[in-house]
Amino acid sequence: MIEALIDYIMKKGYKVRVSPGYLTIWKDVGEQRLSLSWGITKAGLRVMDWDTLKYTADCQLRKLAEAEKAGPPREEAIEQA
């Protein structure tokens, strides 16, 4: 099922790296790379049906889409940090 999940995410325009216990999902937007790590295990995959897994993936991807929509951090925000 992990292969199907990776294919599902990649068809939505994201790249995926598989590591033990999690997936790293990213998308390059201009000079910015948006990424997140999604903790997911083989045991977790076994208890989810495909629809639940797709829904969970879409929730993760929505975080990246919102970051893309927000754009890069403003310089004044960086200077204050």
C-alpha atoms as a PDB file:
ATOM      1  CA  MET A   1       0.000   0.000   0.000  1.00  0.00           C
ATOM      2  CA  ILE A   2       2.964   2.356   0.531  1.00  0.00           C
ATOM      3  CA  GLU A   3       3.673   2.295  -3.207  1.00  0.00           C
ATOM      4  CA  ALA A   4       0.095   3.346  -3.956  1.00  0.00           C
ATOM      5  CA  LEU A   5       0.348   6.129  -1.374  1.00  0.00           C
ATOM      6  CA  ILE A   6       3.587   7.429  -2.886  1.00  0.00           C
ATOM      7  CA  ASP A   7       2.035   7.345  -6.361  1.00  0.00           C
ATOM      8  CA  TYR A   8      -1.036   9.207  -5.064  1.00  0.00           C
ATOM      9  CA  ILE A   9       1.116  11.960  -3.526  1.00  0.00           C
ATOM     10  CA  MET A  10       3.374  12.270  -6.573  1.00  0.00           C
ATOM     11  CA  LYS A  11       0.393  12.592  -8.919  1.00  0.00           C
ATOM     12  CA  LYS A  12      -0.583  15.669  -6.917  1.00  0.00           C
ATOM     13  CA  GLY A  13       2.745  17.308  -7.812  1.00  0.00           C
ATOM     14  CA  TYR A  14       4.821  16.503  -4.730  1.00  0.00           C
ATOM     15  CA  LYS A  15       8.005  14.501  -4.276  1.00  0.00           C
ATOM     16  CA  VAL A  16       8.370  11.799  -1.639  1.00  0.00           C
ATOM     17  CA  ARG A  17      11.271  10.220   0.193  1.00  0.00           C
ATOM     18  CA  VAL A  18      10.673   7.085   2.258  1.00  0.00           C
ATOM     19  CA  SER A  19      12.577   6.651   5.508  1.00  0.00           C
ATOM     20  CA  PRO A  20      12.015   4.180   8.347  1.00  0.00           C
ATOM     21  CA  GLY A  21       8.930   5.384  10.212  1.00  0.00           C
ATOM     22  CA  TYR A  22       8.121   8.441   8.119  1.00  0.00           C
ATOM     23  CA  LEU A  23       7.733  10.028   4.708  1.00  0.00           C
ATOM     24  CA  THR A  24       9.285  13.323   3.703  1.00  0.00           C
ATOM     25  CA  ILE A  25       7.038  15.155   1.264  1.00  0.00           C
ATOM     26  CA  TRP A  26       8.213  18.266  -0.553  1.00  0.00           C
ATOM     27  CA  LYS A  27       7.646  20.620  -3.428  1.00  0.00           C
ATOM     28  CA  ASP A  28      10.005  23.222  -4.836  1.00  0.00           C
ATOM     29  CA  VAL A  29       8.288  26.549  -5.447  1.00  0.00           C
ATOM     30  CA  GLY A  30      10.611  28.993  -7.142  1.00  0.00           C
ATOM     31  CA  GLU A  31      13.660  29.223  -4.899  1.00  0.00           C
ATOM     32  CA  GLN A  32      11.766  27.912  -1.884  1.00  0.00           C
ATOM     33  CA  ARG A  33      11.387  24.268  -0.819  1.00  0.00           C
ATOM     34  CA  LEU A  34       8.255  23.427   1.147  1.00  0.00           C
ATOM     35  CA  SER A  35       8.488  20.161   3.040  1.00  0.00           C
ATOM     36  CA  LEU A  36       7.106  18.162   5.903  1.00  0.00           C
ATOM     37  CA  SER A  37       7.767  14.848   7.577  1.00  0.00           C
ATOM     38  CA  TRP A  38       4.806  12.553   8.070  1.00  0.00           C
ATOM     39  CA  GLY A  39       5.296   9.880  10.711  1.00  0.00           C
ATOM     40  CA  ILE A  40       3.753   6.706   9.357  1.00  0.00           C
ATOM     41  CA  THR A  41       4.604   3.092  10.103  1.00  0.00           C
ATOM     42  CA  LYS A  42       3.880  -0.279   8.541  1.00  0.00           C
ATOM     43  CA  ALA A  43       1.551  -1.008  11.458  1.00  0.00           C
ATOM     44  CA  GLY A  44      -0.263   2.267  10.821  1.00  0.00           C
ATOM     45  CA  LEU A  45      -0.659   1.407   7.157  1.00  0.00           C
ATOM     46  CA  ARG A  46      -2.129  -1.988   8.016  1.00  0.00           C
ATOM     47  CA  VAL A  47      -4.965  -0.563  10.090  1.00  0.00           C
ATOM     48  CA  MET A  48      -6.027   2.140   7.594  1.00  0.00           C
ATOM     49  CA  ASP A  49      -8.225   1.485   4.628  1.00  0.00           C
ATOM     50  CA  TRP A  50      -7.380   3.235   1.356  1.00  0.00           C
ATOM     51  CA  ASP A  51      -9.977   5.998   1.716  1.00  0.00           C
ATOM     52  CA  THR A  52      -8.740   6.887   5.205  1.00  0.00           C
ATOM     53  CA  LEU A  53      -5.149   6.858   4.012  1.00  0.00           C
ATOM     54  CA  LYS A  54      -5.960   9.181   1.086  1.00  0.00           C
ATOM     55  CA  TYR A  55      -7.859  11.519   3.418  1.00  0.00           C
ATOM     56  CA  THR A  56      -4.905  11.617   5.823  1.00  0.00           C
ATOM     57  CA  ALA A  57      -2.501  12.257   2.938  1.00  0.00           C
ATOM     58  CA  ASP A  58      -4.710  15.081   1.669  1.00  0.00           C
ATOM     59  CA  CYS A  59      -4.622  16.670   5.142  1.00  0.00           C
ATOM     60  CA  GLN A  60      -0.820  16.568   5.059  1.00  0.00           C
ATOM     61  CA  LEU A  61      -0.704  17.989   1.530  1.00  0.00           C
ATOM     62  CA  ARG A  62      -3.097  20.763   2.514  1.00  0.00           C
ATOM     63  CA  LYS A  63      -0.471  22.034   4.982  1.00  0.00           C
ATOM     64  CA  LEU A  64       2.030  22.380   2.143  1.00  0.00           C
ATOM     65  CA  ALA A  65      -0.546  23.997  -0.144  1.00  0.00           C
ATOM     66  CA  GLU A  66      -1.359  26.581   2.544  1.00  0.00           C
ATOM     67  CA  ALA A  67       2.334  27.356   2.987  1.00  0.00           C
ATOM     68  CA  GLU A  68       2.689  27.758  -0.775  1.00  0.00           C
ATOM     69  CA  LYS A  69      -0.291  30.112  -0.851  1.00  0.00           C
ATOM     70  CA  ALA A  70       1.155  32.192   2.001  1.00  0.00           C
ATOM     71  CA  GLY A  71       4.384  32.703   0.053  1.00  0.00           C
ATOM     72  CA  PRO A  72       7.891  33.181   1.392  1.00  0.00           C
ATOM     73  CA  PRO A  73       8.395  34.850   4.776  1.00  0.00           C
ATOM     74  CA  ARG A  74       8.507  38.627   4.652  1.00  0.00           C
ATOM     75  CA  GLU A  75      11.907  40.218   5.290  1.00  0.00           C
ATOM     76  CA  GLU A  76      10.605  42.301   8.200  1.00  0.00           C
ATOM     77  CA  ALA A  77       9.356  39.135   9.908  1.00  0.00           C
ATOM     78  CA  ILE A  78      12.777  37.523   9.471  1.00  0.00           C
ATOM     79  CA  GLU A  79      14.539  40.585  10.924  1.00  0.00           C
ATOM     80  CA  GLN A  80      12.319  40.511  14.011  1.00  0.00           C
ATOM     81  CA  ALA A  81      13.029  36.831  14.703  1.00  0.00           C
END
